[in-house]
Amino acid sequence: MSQHIFNLWKEASSSKPIRRDAFSSMYLGRLQNAKRHTPGGQLSVIEYQIQDFVLCESKGRLQDVTSLALLCPGDDVLWFCFQFQGKTVFSTGRATEPDSLFSFTTSSSVTQFTLSAEKYWALFLGLSAASKQQLLAEFPSLRHHFEEVEGEALPAVPISRPDRRLLEVFSQITMGSFSTVYHIGHLFLQLYSSYVQRVEEYMQRIKEEPNIQLYYRAVAFIRDNCQEKILNRETIAKALHCSTRTLSRVFEGRPLSLNATILTVRLHKGRELLVRRADLSIDQIAGMLHFFDASHFITQYKRVFHCTPRQERKMLKSNSG
């Protein structure tokens, strides 16, 4: 009889999948008094609000396109988001990428997102009222970046190992009624300290990209026109449709200034002519490249190539012979 009961129990237990408590695997799982619910049975959601802070974590395997409502404690909330899995689609159509973190602001009491049918996991950390203003005062560049993007989300950056470690430590802290606000505020401060630095590096790269492109266009123009008599800051800027100040700026911090680049390109062209045009004299090459005279060409040539043009030709003849 006992063996029969055991077999019935074994069949029943094996036929039902063992459901692991999704809440226990979430970073906000240990927060006391947090609201836990499963809208539509597809997402496990933890929401927690205290003073100026609101935290929301959603995790699950979605079978259908789902809507996620992010409740805001008031107007003008600053959000920090970890997108671990899946994508969050804003009302503007902008979609986040997995394994990324970013920051954005909302100005309504409820913000709706669209989630695709896939594995989804995201953590939203919101800050409002006086605490938000204090954080922005702590990081003035953060406020400046939000003004630049005019209400859009700031650039997303990859979630780093230190970011995950901060969350792991936070999720393991035993918080009391007095210390909870402190620990949440400390988490915000640490996360934004790292994030702001990475956003500034990203913004700087974006600003530098046009300058980098202009730099390579300028170098290419110099190479193509190194035999032109008048090749200077003004003629190059005019050809590239930029100001002389902008042209000078793109050469700042480079190994060679603009004038040094023109000189070096002409010297390399002179070396090429020495090799390919044995019929040309050194005086002729110096003239073709608009050096003051042959002496000036020889002096600069030796400074760069550590031999005179004549010695270079002699070595070429001996090597070919």
Protein backbone atom coordinates (compact mmCIF):
# COMPACT_ATOMS: atom_id res chain seq x y z
CA MET A 1 0.00 0.00 0.00
CA SER A 2 2.76 2.42 0.98
CA GLN A 3 4.67 1.54 -2.22
CA HIS A 4 1.54 2.31 -4.27
CA ILE A 5 1.12 5.73 -2.61
CA PHE A 6 4.81 6.47 -3.22
CA ASN A 7 4.42 5.64 -6.93
CA LEU A 8 1.36 7.90 -7.21
CA TRP A 9 3.28 10.76 -5.56
CA LYS A 10 6.28 10.17 -7.87
CA GLU A 11 4.06 10.27 -10.98
CA ALA A 12 2.29 13.42 -9.84
CA SER A 13 5.50 15.26 -8.95
CA SER A 14 7.26 14.31 -12.17
CA SER A 15 4.30 15.35 -14.34
CA LYS A 16 4.24 18.92 -12.97
CA PRO A 17 7.17 21.23 -13.73
CA ILE A 18 8.84 22.56 -10.63
CA ARG A 19 8.38 26.33 -10.75
CA ARG A 20 11.27 28.23 -9.27
CA ASP A 21 10.32 31.42 -7.44
CA ALA A 22 11.34 34.11 -9.96
CA PHE A 23 11.21 36.83 -7.30
CA SER A 24 14.07 35.26 -5.34
CA SER A 25 16.39 35.56 -8.35
CA MET A 26 15.75 39.29 -8.79
CA TYR A 27 17.92 42.06 -7.37
CA LEU A 28 15.00 43.64 -5.50
CA GLY A 29 13.86 40.29 -4.13
CA ARG A 30 14.93 41.00 -0.56
CA LEU A 31 13.37 44.44 -0.22
CA GLN A 32 10.81 44.35 2.57
CA ASN A 33 7.32 45.71 1.90
CA ALA A 34 7.94 45.71 -1.87
CA LYS A 35 4.91 44.99 -4.07
CA ARG A 36 5.17 41.73 -6.00
CA HIS A 37 2.82 40.77 -8.79
CA THR A 38 2.68 38.80 -12.04
CA PRO A 39 0.67 40.75 -14.64
CA GLY A 40 -0.68 38.38 -17.28
CA GLY A 41 1.23 35.54 -15.69
CA GLN A 42 4.24 36.22 -17.92
CA LEU A 43 6.21 38.78 -15.94
CA SER A 44 7.35 38.80 -12.35
CA VAL A 45 7.36 42.43 -11.22
CA ILE A 46 8.72 43.94 -8.02
CA GLU A 47 7.91 47.58 -7.25
CA TYR A 48 9.19 49.56 -4.32
CA GLN A 49 8.75 53.21 -3.41
CA ILE A 50 10.22 55.15 -0.53
CA GLN A 51 10.52 58.92 -0.24
CA ASP A 52 11.97 60.23 -3.57
CA PHE A 53 12.96 56.76 -4.82
CA VAL A 54 10.97 54.31 -6.92
CA LEU A 55 12.40 50.97 -8.00
CA CYS A 56 10.87 48.53 -10.48
CA GLU A 57 12.26 45.20 -11.68
CA SER A 58 10.57 43.01 -14.30
CA LYS A 59 11.61 39.53 -15.33
CA GLY A 60 10.03 36.72 -17.32
CA ARG A 61 9.69 34.77 -20.56
CA LEU A 62 7.11 36.58 -22.67
CA GLN A 63 4.95 34.61 -25.09
CA ASP A 64 3.28 37.66 -26.62
CA VAL A 65 3.95 41.35 -27.13
CA THR A 66 3.34 42.90 -23.72
CA SER A 67 2.86 46.38 -22.31
CA LEU A 68 4.81 47.46 -19.23
CA ALA A 69 3.62 50.42 -17.15
CA LEU A 70 6.28 52.26 -15.20
CA LEU A 71 4.65 54.08 -12.30
CA CYS A 72 6.26 57.40 -11.43
CA PRO A 73 6.11 59.03 -7.97
CA GLY A 74 5.65 62.44 -9.59
CA ASP A 75 6.57 64.55 -12.57
CA ASP A 76 10.11 64.83 -13.87
CA VAL A 77 11.60 61.55 -12.71
CA LEU A 78 15.22 60.67 -13.47
CA TRP A 79 15.60 56.99 -14.35
CA PHE A 80 18.57 54.68 -14.44
CA CYS A 81 17.88 51.43 -16.29
CA PHE A 82 19.64 48.08 -16.48
CA GLN A 83 18.50 46.14 -19.55
CA PHE A 84 19.73 42.62 -18.81
CA GLN A 85 17.66 40.67 -21.35
CA GLY A 86 15.24 41.52 -24.14
CA LYS A 87 14.33 44.99 -25.33
CA THR A 88 12.29 47.86 -23.98
CA VAL A 89 10.58 49.92 -26.68
CA PHE A 90 9.73 53.55 -25.85
CA SER A 91 6.65 55.32 -27.22
CA THR A 92 8.99 57.16 -29.63
CA GLY A 93 10.00 53.82 -31.17
CA ARG A 94 13.47 53.83 -29.63
CA ALA A 95 14.44 50.33 -28.48
CA THR A 96 17.07 49.41 -25.93
CA GLU A 97 19.61 46.65 -26.42
CA PRO A 98 20.27 43.68 -24.09
CA ASP A 99 23.18 43.92 -21.64
CA SER A 100 23.13 47.72 -21.58
CA LEU A 101 22.40 50.52 -19.17
CA PHE A 102 21.16 54.02 -19.85
CA SER A 103 19.40 56.99 -18.25
CA PHE A 104 16.28 58.89 -19.22
CA THR A 105 13.64 61.20 -17.75
CA THR A 106 9.85 61.04 -17.67
CA SER A 107 7.37 63.83 -17.11
CA SER A 108 4.10 61.93 -16.58
CA SER A 109 2.71 59.80 -13.77
CA VAL A 110 2.63 56.63 -15.92
CA THR A 111 5.05 55.69 -18.70
CA GLN A 112 4.15 52.82 -21.04
CA PHE A 113 6.69 50.57 -22.74
CA THR A 114 6.25 47.76 -25.26
CA LEU A 115 8.03 44.44 -24.72
CA SER A 116 8.62 41.83 -27.41
CA ALA A 117 7.88 38.12 -27.09
CA GLU A 118 11.21 36.96 -25.66
CA LYS A 119 13.08 36.56 -22.39
CA TYR A 120 12.95 39.88 -20.61
CA TRP A 121 14.71 41.30 -17.58
CA ALA A 122 15.12 44.97 -16.71
CA LEU A 123 15.66 47.03 -13.58
CA PHE A 124 14.47 50.66 -13.39
CA LEU A 125 15.76 52.94 -10.63
CA GLY A 126 13.88 56.24 -10.40
CA LEU A 127 14.66 59.45 -8.55
CA SER A 128 12.43 62.50 -8.17
CA ALA A 129 11.88 65.80 -6.34
CA ALA A 130 14.68 67.18 -4.16
CA SER A 131 16.83 64.04 -4.39
CA LYS A 132 16.86 64.29 -8.17
CA GLN A 133 17.97 67.93 -8.03
CA GLN A 134 20.71 67.06 -5.53
CA LEU A 135 22.01 64.30 -7.80
CA LEU A 136 22.05 66.61 -10.83
CA ALA A 137 23.89 69.20 -8.75
CA GLU A 138 26.43 66.50 -7.88
CA PHE A 139 26.89 65.74 -11.60
CA PRO A 140 26.39 69.00 -13.55
CA SER A 141 27.58 67.34 -16.77
CA LEU A 142 24.62 64.95 -16.46
CA ARG A 143 22.19 67.86 -16.54
CA HIS A 144 24.11 69.32 -19.50
CA HIS A 145 23.87 66.05 -21.46
CA PHE A 146 20.12 65.85 -20.87
CA GLU A 147 19.79 69.41 -22.19
CA GLU A 148 21.75 68.38 -25.29
CA VAL A 149 19.52 65.40 -26.08
CA GLU A 150 16.35 67.44 -25.44
CA GLY A 151 14.32 64.90 -23.51
CA GLU A 152 15.66 61.78 -25.24
CA ALA A 153 17.42 59.01 -23.37
CA LEU A 154 21.15 59.37 -22.90
CA PRO A 155 23.43 56.96 -24.80
CA ALA A 156 23.40 53.34 -23.68
CA VAL A 157 26.66 51.77 -22.52
CA PRO A 158 27.46 48.09 -21.85
CA ILE A 159 26.82 46.79 -18.35
CA SER A 160 30.23 46.34 -16.76
CA ARG A 161 31.35 43.82 -14.19
CA PRO A 162 31.62 46.52 -11.47
CA ASP A 163 28.01 47.54 -12.27
CA ARG A 164 26.80 43.99 -11.68
CA ARG A 165 28.89 43.73 -8.55
CA LEU A 166 27.25 46.89 -7.15
CA LEU A 167 23.82 45.33 -7.69
CA GLU A 168 24.88 42.03 -6.14
CA VAL A 169 26.17 43.77 -3.03
CA PHE A 170 23.01 45.88 -2.83
CA SER A 171 20.75 42.82 -3.15
CA GLN A 172 22.52 41.09 -0.26
CA ILE A 173 22.27 43.95 2.24
CA THR A 174 19.84 43.48 5.11
CA MET A 175 18.04 46.81 5.18
CA GLY A 176 16.14 48.34 8.03
CA SER A 177 13.51 51.07 7.98
CA PHE A 178 16.17 53.72 8.61
CA SER A 179 19.03 52.43 6.42
CA THR A 180 17.05 51.60 3.26
CA VAL A 181 17.05 55.16 1.89
CA TYR A 182 20.77 55.48 2.59
CA HIS A 183 21.63 52.26 0.74
CA ILE A 184 19.46 53.15 -2.26
CA GLY A 185 20.94 56.66 -2.42
CA HIS A 186 24.45 55.23 -2.18
CA LEU A 187 23.67 52.84 -5.06
CA PHE A 188 22.49 55.77 -7.22
CA LEU A 189 25.64 57.73 -6.46
CA GLN A 190 27.98 54.88 -7.35
CA LEU A 191 26.12 53.93 -10.52
CA TYR A 192 25.93 57.48 -11.86
CA SER A 193 29.59 58.15 -11.00
CA SER A 194 30.61 55.39 -13.41
CA TYR A 195 27.89 56.03 -15.99
CA VAL A 196 28.48 59.79 -16.32
CA GLN A 197 32.18 59.21 -16.98
CA ARG A 198 31.40 56.72 -19.75
CA VAL A 199 28.75 58.97 -21.29
CA GLU A 200 31.23 61.86 -21.37
CA GLU A 201 33.77 59.65 -23.15
CA TYR A 202 31.07 58.62 -25.65
CA MET A 203 29.95 62.21 -26.24
CA GLN A 204 33.55 63.29 -26.75
CA ARG A 205 34.06 60.57 -29.37
CA ILE A 206 30.91 61.68 -31.17
CA LYS A 207 32.13 65.28 -31.22
CA GLU A 208 35.58 64.25 -32.41
CA GLU A 209 34.35 62.07 -35.28
CA PRO A 210 33.74 64.98 -37.69
CA ASN A 211 37.18 66.38 -36.80
CA ILE A 212 38.80 63.01 -37.39
CA GLN A 213 37.11 62.77 -40.79
CA LEU A 214 38.18 66.33 -41.65
CA TYR A 215 41.76 65.54 -40.61
CA TYR A 216 42.01 62.58 -43.00
CA ARG A 217 40.34 64.57 -45.78
CA ALA A 218 42.93 67.33 -45.28
CA VAL A 219 45.85 64.88 -45.38
CA ALA A 220 44.44 63.26 -48.53
CA PHE A 221 44.03 66.69 -50.16
CA ILE A 222 47.65 67.60 -49.32
CA ARG A 223 48.89 64.35 -50.83
CA ASP A 224 46.89 64.87 -54.01
CA ASN A 225 47.98 68.49 -54.39
CA CYS A 226 51.50 68.55 -52.96
CA GLN A 227 52.91 69.81 -56.28
CA GLU A 228 50.64 72.83 -56.32
CA LYS A 229 52.56 76.07 -55.79
CA ILE A 230 50.09 77.60 -53.34
CA LEU A 231 49.26 74.99 -50.74
CA ASN A 232 48.58 76.51 -47.36
CA ARG A 233 46.00 76.84 -44.61
CA GLU A 234 43.75 79.15 -46.63
CA THR A 235 43.70 77.12 -49.85
CA ILE A 236 43.12 73.82 -48.03
CA ALA A 237 40.32 75.26 -45.85
CA LYS A 238 38.62 76.71 -48.91
CA ALA A 239 38.81 73.40 -50.76
CA LEU A 240 37.38 71.51 -47.76
CA HIS A 241 34.66 74.10 -47.10
CA CYS A 242 35.72 74.86 -43.53
CA SER A 243 37.27 77.77 -41.66
CA THR A 244 41.03 78.07 -41.19
CA ARG A 245 40.46 77.90 -37.41
CA THR A 246 38.60 74.60 -37.74
CA LEU A 247 41.32 73.24 -40.01
CA SER A 248 44.03 74.20 -37.51
CA ARG A 249 42.03 72.65 -34.66
CA VAL A 250 41.86 69.20 -36.28
CA PHE A 251 45.67 69.11 -36.40
CA GLU A 252 46.01 69.99 -32.70
CA GLY A 253 47.40 67.07 -30.73
CA ARG A 254 48.59 65.32 -33.88
CA PRO A 255 52.24 64.30 -34.37
CA LEU A 256 52.62 66.95 -37.09
CA SER A 257 51.10 70.41 -37.45
CA LEU A 258 49.44 71.44 -40.71
CA ASN A 259 52.57 73.12 -42.09
CA ALA A 260 54.76 70.20 -40.99
CA THR A 261 52.36 67.80 -42.72
CA ILE A 262 52.64 69.75 -45.99
CA LEU A 263 56.43 69.72 -45.75
CA THR A 264 56.60 66.00 -44.91
CA VAL A 265 54.23 65.00 -47.71
CA ARG A 266 56.30 67.01 -50.19
CA LEU A 267 59.50 65.33 -48.97
CA HIS A 268 57.94 61.88 -49.45
CA LYS A 269 56.86 62.93 -52.92
CA GLY A 270 60.43 64.05 -53.57
CA ARG A 271 61.69 60.64 -52.50
CA GLU A 272 59.22 58.98 -54.87
CA LEU A 273 60.43 61.17 -57.76
CA LEU A 274 64.06 60.32 -56.96
CA VAL A 275 63.21 56.63 -57.33
CA ARG A 276 60.86 56.77 -60.31
CA ARG A 277 62.25 59.72 -62.30
CA ALA A 278 65.99 59.26 -62.80
CA ASP A 279 65.81 61.86 -65.58
CA LEU A 280 65.00 64.62 -63.08
CA SER A 281 67.80 66.47 -61.33
CA ILE A 282 67.64 67.28 -57.62
CA ASP A 283 67.24 70.98 -58.55
CA GLN A 284 64.27 70.11 -60.75
CA ILE A 285 62.60 68.02 -58.05
CA ALA A 286 63.10 70.80 -55.50
CA GLY A 287 61.47 73.24 -57.93
CA MET A 288 58.55 70.92 -58.71
CA LEU A 289 57.77 70.66 -55.01
CA HIS A 290 58.21 74.42 -54.44
CA PHE A 291 61.08 74.38 -51.97
CA PHE A 292 62.99 77.68 -51.69
CA ASP A 293 65.92 76.10 -53.51
CA ALA A 294 67.84 72.82 -53.80
CA SER A 295 69.77 73.55 -50.60
CA HIS A 296 66.54 73.87 -48.61
CA PHE A 297 65.22 70.62 -50.11
CA ILE A 298 68.46 68.76 -49.29
CA THR A 299 68.54 70.05 -45.69
CA GLN A 300 64.93 69.01 -44.99
CA TYR A 301 65.38 65.70 -46.81
CA LYS A 302 68.38 64.76 -44.67
CA ARG A 303 66.51 65.74 -41.49
CA VAL A 304 63.67 63.33 -42.26
CA PHE A 305 65.39 60.47 -44.14
CA HIS A 306 68.89 60.74 -42.58
CA CYS A 307 70.64 60.91 -45.93
CA THR A 308 70.87 63.41 -48.77
CA PRO A 309 68.90 62.99 -52.02
CA ARG A 310 72.16 62.33 -53.84
CA GLN A 311 73.13 59.56 -51.38
CA GLU A 312 69.63 58.09 -51.77
CA ARG A 313 70.02 57.89 -55.54
CA LYS A 314 73.47 56.39 -55.23
CA MET A 315 72.15 53.64 -52.96
CA LEU A 316 69.29 52.94 -55.37
CA LYS A 317 71.70 52.58 -58.29
CA SER A 318 73.97 50.19 -56.37
CA ASN A 319 71.00 48.09 -55.25
CA SER A 320 69.61 47.87 -58.78
CA GLY A 321 73.01 47.01 -60.15
